[in-house]
N, C-alpha and C. Protein backbone atom coordinates (compact mmCIF):
# COMPACT_ATOMS: atom_id res chain seq x y z
N MET A 1 -13.86 31.48 8.14
CA MET A 1 -12.46 31.41 7.79
C MET A 1 -12.14 32.61 6.89
N LYS A 2 -11.04 33.22 7.12
CA LYS A 2 -10.59 34.35 6.32
C LYS A 2 -9.83 33.83 5.10
N ILE A 3 -9.87 34.62 4.05
CA ILE A 3 -9.13 34.26 2.84
C ILE A 3 -7.66 34.00 3.17
N LYS A 4 -7.08 34.85 4.01
CA LYS A 4 -5.66 34.70 4.34
C LYS A 4 -5.38 33.41 5.10
N ASP A 5 -6.39 32.81 5.70
CA ASP A 5 -6.21 31.57 6.45
C ASP A 5 -6.27 30.33 5.56
N LEU A 6 -6.63 30.50 4.30
CA LEU A 6 -6.78 29.35 3.42
C LEU A 6 -5.49 28.58 3.22
N VAL A 7 -4.39 29.26 3.13
CA VAL A 7 -3.12 28.56 2.90
C VAL A 7 -2.86 27.59 4.04
N ASN A 8 -3.06 28.02 5.27
CA ASN A 8 -2.90 27.10 6.40
C ASN A 8 -3.90 25.96 6.33
N TYR A 9 -5.11 26.28 5.93
CA TYR A 9 -6.16 25.27 5.82
C TYR A 9 -5.79 24.24 4.75
N TRP A 10 -5.30 24.72 3.61
CA TRP A 10 -4.94 23.81 2.53
C TRP A 10 -3.75 22.95 2.88
N ASP A 11 -2.92 23.41 3.78
CA ASP A 11 -1.77 22.62 4.18
C ASP A 11 -2.17 21.45 5.09
N LYS A 12 -3.39 21.46 5.56
CA LYS A 12 -3.91 20.38 6.39
C LYS A 12 -5.02 19.67 5.62
N HIS A 13 -5.44 18.55 6.11
CA HIS A 13 -6.52 17.82 5.45
C HIS A 13 -7.86 18.39 5.89
N ALA A 14 -8.68 18.68 4.91
CA ALA A 14 -10.01 19.23 5.20
C ALA A 14 -10.96 18.09 5.55
N ARG A 15 -11.84 18.38 6.46
CA ARG A 15 -12.86 17.41 6.85
C ARG A 15 -14.20 18.12 6.81
N GLY A 16 -15.25 17.36 6.69
CA GLY A 16 -16.59 17.93 6.68
C GLY A 16 -17.45 17.28 5.62
N ARG A 17 -18.69 17.63 5.65
CA ARG A 17 -19.66 17.09 4.73
C ARG A 17 -19.84 18.02 3.55
N LEU A 18 -20.05 17.42 2.40
CA LEU A 18 -20.31 18.21 1.20
C LEU A 18 -21.73 17.91 0.73
N THR A 19 -22.37 18.91 0.15
CA THR A 19 -23.68 18.68 -0.43
C THR A 19 -23.51 17.97 -1.77
N ARG A 20 -24.60 17.47 -2.30
CA ARG A 20 -24.57 16.85 -3.62
C ARG A 20 -24.73 17.89 -4.71
N ASP A 21 -25.08 19.10 -4.34
CA ASP A 21 -25.30 20.15 -5.32
C ASP A 21 -23.96 20.60 -5.92
N ALA A 22 -23.96 20.77 -7.22
CA ALA A 22 -22.76 21.26 -7.91
C ALA A 22 -23.08 22.61 -8.52
N TYR A 23 -22.08 23.47 -8.51
CA TYR A 23 -22.21 24.80 -9.10
C TYR A 23 -21.10 24.95 -10.14
N PHE A 24 -21.42 25.61 -11.20
CA PHE A 24 -20.45 25.83 -12.26
C PHE A 24 -20.32 27.32 -12.50
N ALA A 25 -19.10 27.77 -12.73
CA ALA A 25 -18.87 29.20 -12.95
C ALA A 25 -17.88 29.39 -14.08
N ASN A 26 -18.17 30.34 -14.92
CA ASN A 26 -17.22 30.76 -15.94
C ASN A 26 -16.37 31.86 -15.33
N LEU A 27 -15.06 31.65 -15.37
CA LEU A 27 -14.15 32.62 -14.78
C LEU A 27 -13.54 33.51 -15.86
N ALA A 28 -13.22 34.73 -15.47
CA ALA A 28 -12.46 35.60 -16.36
C ALA A 28 -11.09 34.96 -16.58
N ASP A 29 -10.49 35.26 -17.71
CA ASP A 29 -9.19 34.66 -18.03
C ASP A 29 -8.17 34.86 -16.91
N GLN A 30 -8.12 36.07 -16.36
CA GLN A 30 -7.13 36.33 -15.31
C GLN A 30 -7.39 35.51 -14.06
N HIS A 31 -8.66 35.29 -13.71
CA HIS A 31 -8.98 34.48 -12.53
C HIS A 31 -8.71 33.00 -12.81
N HIS A 32 -8.98 32.58 -14.03
CA HIS A 32 -8.69 31.19 -14.40
C HIS A 32 -7.19 30.93 -14.29
N GLN A 33 -6.38 31.86 -14.76
CA GLN A 33 -4.92 31.71 -14.68
C GLN A 33 -4.46 31.67 -13.23
N ARG A 34 -5.04 32.51 -12.40
CA ARG A 34 -4.66 32.50 -10.97
C ARG A 34 -5.03 31.18 -10.32
N LEU A 35 -6.19 30.66 -10.67
CA LEU A 35 -6.62 29.38 -10.11
C LEU A 35 -5.67 28.26 -10.55
N GLU A 36 -5.25 28.29 -11.79
CA GLU A 36 -4.32 27.28 -12.28
C GLU A 36 -2.96 27.39 -11.58
N LYS A 37 -2.51 28.61 -11.32
CA LYS A 37 -1.25 28.80 -10.58
C LYS A 37 -1.38 28.27 -9.16
N LEU A 38 -2.52 28.53 -8.54
CA LEU A 38 -2.77 28.04 -7.18
C LEU A 38 -2.82 26.51 -7.16
N ALA A 39 -3.45 25.93 -8.18
CA ALA A 39 -3.50 24.47 -8.28
C ALA A 39 -2.11 23.88 -8.45
N ALA A 40 -1.22 24.60 -9.13
CA ALA A 40 0.16 24.13 -9.28
C ALA A 40 0.90 24.17 -7.95
N LEU A 41 0.56 25.15 -7.10
CA LEU A 41 1.18 25.23 -5.78
C LEU A 41 0.69 24.11 -4.85
N TYR A 42 -0.54 23.68 -5.06
CA TYR A 42 -1.15 22.64 -4.21
C TYR A 42 -1.65 21.50 -5.10
N PRO A 43 -0.74 20.68 -5.59
CA PRO A 43 -1.13 19.63 -6.54
C PRO A 43 -2.06 18.56 -5.95
N MET A 44 -2.14 18.48 -4.64
CA MET A 44 -3.04 17.50 -4.02
C MET A 44 -4.47 18.02 -3.94
N LYS A 45 -4.68 19.27 -4.32
CA LYS A 45 -6.01 19.87 -4.31
C LYS A 45 -6.44 20.08 -5.75
N SER A 46 -7.65 19.68 -6.06
CA SER A 46 -8.16 19.92 -7.41
C SER A 46 -8.60 21.38 -7.54
N SER A 47 -8.74 21.84 -8.75
CA SER A 47 -9.23 23.20 -8.98
C SER A 47 -10.60 23.38 -8.35
N GLN A 48 -11.42 22.33 -8.41
CA GLN A 48 -12.76 22.39 -7.81
C GLN A 48 -12.67 22.54 -6.30
N ASP A 49 -11.74 21.81 -5.67
CA ASP A 49 -11.55 21.94 -4.22
C ASP A 49 -11.10 23.35 -3.86
N LEU A 50 -10.18 23.89 -4.64
CA LEU A 50 -9.69 25.23 -4.37
C LEU A 50 -10.81 26.26 -4.53
N MET A 51 -11.61 26.12 -5.57
CA MET A 51 -12.73 27.04 -5.77
C MET A 51 -13.73 26.94 -4.62
N ARG A 52 -14.02 25.71 -4.20
CA ARG A 52 -14.95 25.52 -3.08
C ARG A 52 -14.43 26.20 -1.82
N ASP A 53 -13.16 26.01 -1.54
CA ASP A 53 -12.57 26.61 -0.34
C ASP A 53 -12.55 28.14 -0.44
N LEU A 54 -12.23 28.66 -1.60
CA LEU A 54 -12.22 30.12 -1.79
C LEU A 54 -13.61 30.70 -1.61
N ILE A 55 -14.61 30.05 -2.17
CA ILE A 55 -15.98 30.55 -2.04
C ILE A 55 -16.44 30.45 -0.59
N SER A 56 -16.12 29.35 0.07
CA SER A 56 -16.50 29.20 1.48
C SER A 56 -15.87 30.28 2.34
N ALA A 57 -14.59 30.55 2.11
CA ALA A 57 -13.90 31.58 2.89
C ALA A 57 -14.48 32.96 2.59
N ALA A 58 -14.79 33.21 1.33
CA ALA A 58 -15.37 34.51 0.97
C ALA A 58 -16.74 34.69 1.62
N LEU A 59 -17.55 33.64 1.66
CA LEU A 59 -18.87 33.74 2.30
C LEU A 59 -18.74 33.95 3.80
N ASP A 60 -17.78 33.27 4.43
CA ASP A 60 -17.54 33.47 5.87
C ASP A 60 -17.12 34.91 6.13
N GLU A 61 -16.24 35.41 5.28
CA GLU A 61 -15.76 36.78 5.46
C GLU A 61 -16.87 37.79 5.19
N LEU A 62 -17.71 37.50 4.23
CA LEU A 62 -18.85 38.38 3.94
C LEU A 62 -19.77 38.47 5.15
N GLU A 63 -20.07 37.31 5.74
CA GLU A 63 -20.97 37.29 6.90
C GLU A 63 -20.43 38.12 8.06
N THR A 64 -19.14 38.01 8.32
CA THR A 64 -18.57 38.77 9.43
C THR A 64 -18.34 40.23 9.06
N GLY A 65 -18.46 40.55 7.78
CA GLY A 65 -18.24 41.91 7.34
C GLY A 65 -19.48 42.77 7.26
N PHE A 66 -20.66 42.16 7.48
CA PHE A 66 -21.88 42.97 7.45
C PHE A 66 -21.82 44.01 8.56
N PRO A 67 -22.19 45.24 8.25
CA PRO A 67 -22.13 46.28 9.28
C PRO A 67 -23.20 46.07 10.36
N TYR A 68 -22.84 46.41 11.58
CA TYR A 68 -23.77 46.36 12.71
C TYR A 68 -24.69 47.58 12.61
N VAL A 69 -25.99 47.33 12.72
CA VAL A 69 -26.98 48.41 12.74
C VAL A 69 -27.70 48.31 14.07
N GLN A 70 -27.48 49.29 14.92
CA GLN A 70 -28.07 49.24 16.26
C GLN A 70 -29.58 49.35 16.21
N GLY A 71 -30.23 48.39 16.88
CA GLY A 71 -31.67 48.42 17.01
C GLY A 71 -32.07 49.14 18.28
N SER A 72 -33.35 49.07 18.60
CA SER A 72 -33.85 49.77 19.79
C SER A 72 -33.98 48.84 21.00
N LYS A 73 -33.90 47.55 20.78
CA LYS A 73 -34.10 46.57 21.85
C LYS A 73 -32.77 46.19 22.51
N VAL A 74 -32.72 46.27 23.84
CA VAL A 74 -31.53 45.84 24.59
C VAL A 74 -31.59 44.33 24.72
N VAL A 75 -30.52 43.65 24.29
CA VAL A 75 -30.49 42.19 24.33
C VAL A 75 -29.54 41.63 25.37
N ALA A 76 -28.64 42.48 25.89
CA ALA A 76 -27.67 42.03 26.89
C ALA A 76 -26.96 43.24 27.48
N PHE A 77 -26.10 42.94 28.44
CA PHE A 77 -25.26 43.97 29.04
C PHE A 77 -23.82 43.48 28.99
N ASP A 78 -22.88 44.37 28.71
CA ASP A 78 -21.48 43.96 28.68
C ASP A 78 -20.92 43.88 30.09
N GLU A 79 -19.63 43.55 30.21
CA GLU A 79 -19.02 43.36 31.53
C GLU A 79 -18.97 44.64 32.36
N ASP A 80 -19.12 45.79 31.71
CA ASP A 80 -19.15 47.07 32.44
C ASP A 80 -20.57 47.55 32.72
N GLY A 81 -21.56 46.75 32.36
CA GLY A 81 -22.94 47.11 32.61
C GLY A 81 -23.59 47.96 31.52
N PHE A 82 -22.87 48.19 30.44
CA PHE A 82 -23.45 48.97 29.34
C PHE A 82 -24.38 48.10 28.51
N GLU A 83 -25.41 48.74 27.98
CA GLU A 83 -26.41 48.02 27.19
C GLU A 83 -25.85 47.60 25.83
N ILE A 84 -26.24 46.41 25.42
CA ILE A 84 -25.93 45.92 24.08
C ILE A 84 -27.26 45.80 23.34
N TYR A 85 -27.34 46.46 22.22
CA TYR A 85 -28.58 46.50 21.46
C TYR A 85 -28.58 45.45 20.35
N GLU A 86 -29.78 45.00 19.99
CA GLU A 86 -29.90 44.02 18.92
C GLU A 86 -29.35 44.61 17.62
N ASP A 87 -28.92 43.73 16.75
CA ASP A 87 -28.42 44.12 15.44
C ASP A 87 -29.59 44.04 14.46
N GLU A 88 -29.92 45.16 13.86
CA GLU A 88 -31.00 45.19 12.86
C GLU A 88 -30.44 45.22 11.45
N GLY A 89 -29.17 44.93 11.32
CA GLY A 89 -28.53 44.92 10.00
C GLY A 89 -28.75 43.60 9.28
N MET A 90 -27.88 43.32 8.34
CA MET A 90 -28.00 42.13 7.50
C MET A 90 -27.61 40.84 8.23
N THR A 91 -26.77 40.92 9.24
CA THR A 91 -26.27 39.71 9.90
C THR A 91 -27.37 38.80 10.44
N PRO A 92 -28.33 39.30 11.22
CA PRO A 92 -29.35 38.39 11.74
C PRO A 92 -30.18 37.71 10.63
N ARG A 93 -30.49 38.45 9.60
CA ARG A 93 -31.27 37.88 8.48
C ARG A 93 -30.44 36.83 7.75
N PHE A 94 -29.17 37.12 7.52
CA PHE A 94 -28.28 36.17 6.84
C PHE A 94 -28.16 34.88 7.65
N ILE A 95 -27.98 35.02 8.96
CA ILE A 95 -27.86 33.84 9.83
C ILE A 95 -29.15 33.03 9.81
N SER A 96 -30.29 33.71 9.87
CA SER A 96 -31.58 33.03 9.84
C SER A 96 -31.77 32.25 8.54
N LEU A 97 -31.45 32.89 7.42
CA LEU A 97 -31.57 32.21 6.13
C LEU A 97 -30.58 31.06 6.02
N SER A 98 -29.39 31.22 6.57
CA SER A 98 -28.39 30.15 6.55
C SER A 98 -28.89 28.94 7.33
N GLN A 99 -29.45 29.18 8.52
CA GLN A 99 -29.95 28.08 9.35
C GLN A 99 -31.11 27.37 8.66
N LYS A 100 -31.97 28.14 8.01
CA LYS A 100 -33.10 27.56 7.27
C LYS A 100 -32.58 26.66 6.14
N HIS A 101 -31.58 27.13 5.42
CA HIS A 101 -31.02 26.36 4.32
C HIS A 101 -30.33 25.09 4.84
N ILE A 102 -29.60 25.22 5.95
CA ILE A 102 -28.92 24.05 6.52
C ILE A 102 -29.93 22.98 6.91
N GLN A 103 -31.06 23.39 7.49
CA GLN A 103 -32.10 22.42 7.85
C GLN A 103 -32.64 21.70 6.62
N LYS A 104 -32.82 22.42 5.52
CA LYS A 104 -33.28 21.80 4.27
C LYS A 104 -32.25 20.79 3.76
N LEU A 105 -30.97 21.16 3.83
CA LEU A 105 -29.92 20.25 3.38
C LEU A 105 -29.88 18.99 4.23
N LYS A 106 -30.01 19.15 5.54
CA LYS A 106 -30.01 18.00 6.44
C LYS A 106 -31.19 17.09 6.15
N ALA A 107 -32.35 17.67 5.92
CA ALA A 107 -33.54 16.87 5.61
C ALA A 107 -33.34 16.09 4.30
N ARG A 108 -32.75 16.74 3.31
CA ARG A 108 -32.48 16.06 2.04
C ARG A 108 -31.49 14.92 2.22
N GLN A 109 -30.48 15.12 3.05
CA GLN A 109 -29.50 14.08 3.30
C GLN A 109 -30.15 12.88 4.00
N LEU A 110 -31.04 13.17 4.95
CA LEU A 110 -31.75 12.08 5.63
C LEU A 110 -32.64 11.31 4.68
N GLU A 111 -33.28 12.03 3.75
CA GLU A 111 -34.14 11.37 2.77
C GLU A 111 -33.34 10.45 1.85
N SER A 112 -32.13 10.88 1.48
CA SER A 112 -31.32 10.09 0.56
C SER A 112 -30.77 8.84 1.25
N VAL A 113 -30.62 8.88 2.57
CA VAL A 113 -30.11 7.73 3.32
C VAL A 113 -31.20 6.69 3.51
N ALA A 114 -32.42 7.15 3.69
CA ALA A 114 -33.55 6.25 3.97
C ALA A 114 -34.01 5.49 2.76
């Protein structure tokens, strides 16, 4: 999700699972004031919800913003028959680490249910 899409997202009800992990951050005065103004615009959303959504959107945008680094291995061909090379940049490593972390979270959730 892009940062610019958050307003549309906040205008609808969010769904999904949340982890039990909590994170705390000290904000600069100017960012704290902006968060409070945003909370005033969306009184049905808590400051914590807004921060969570902002961080989620920023992480999504970060992932899609990693530069493509062409590798030497051909992994596919496009519709015109041109070779598509593997990405040796940060994206594959980030995705791999994300999947690993998601599996750990799922395992923890299953343990807490049992």
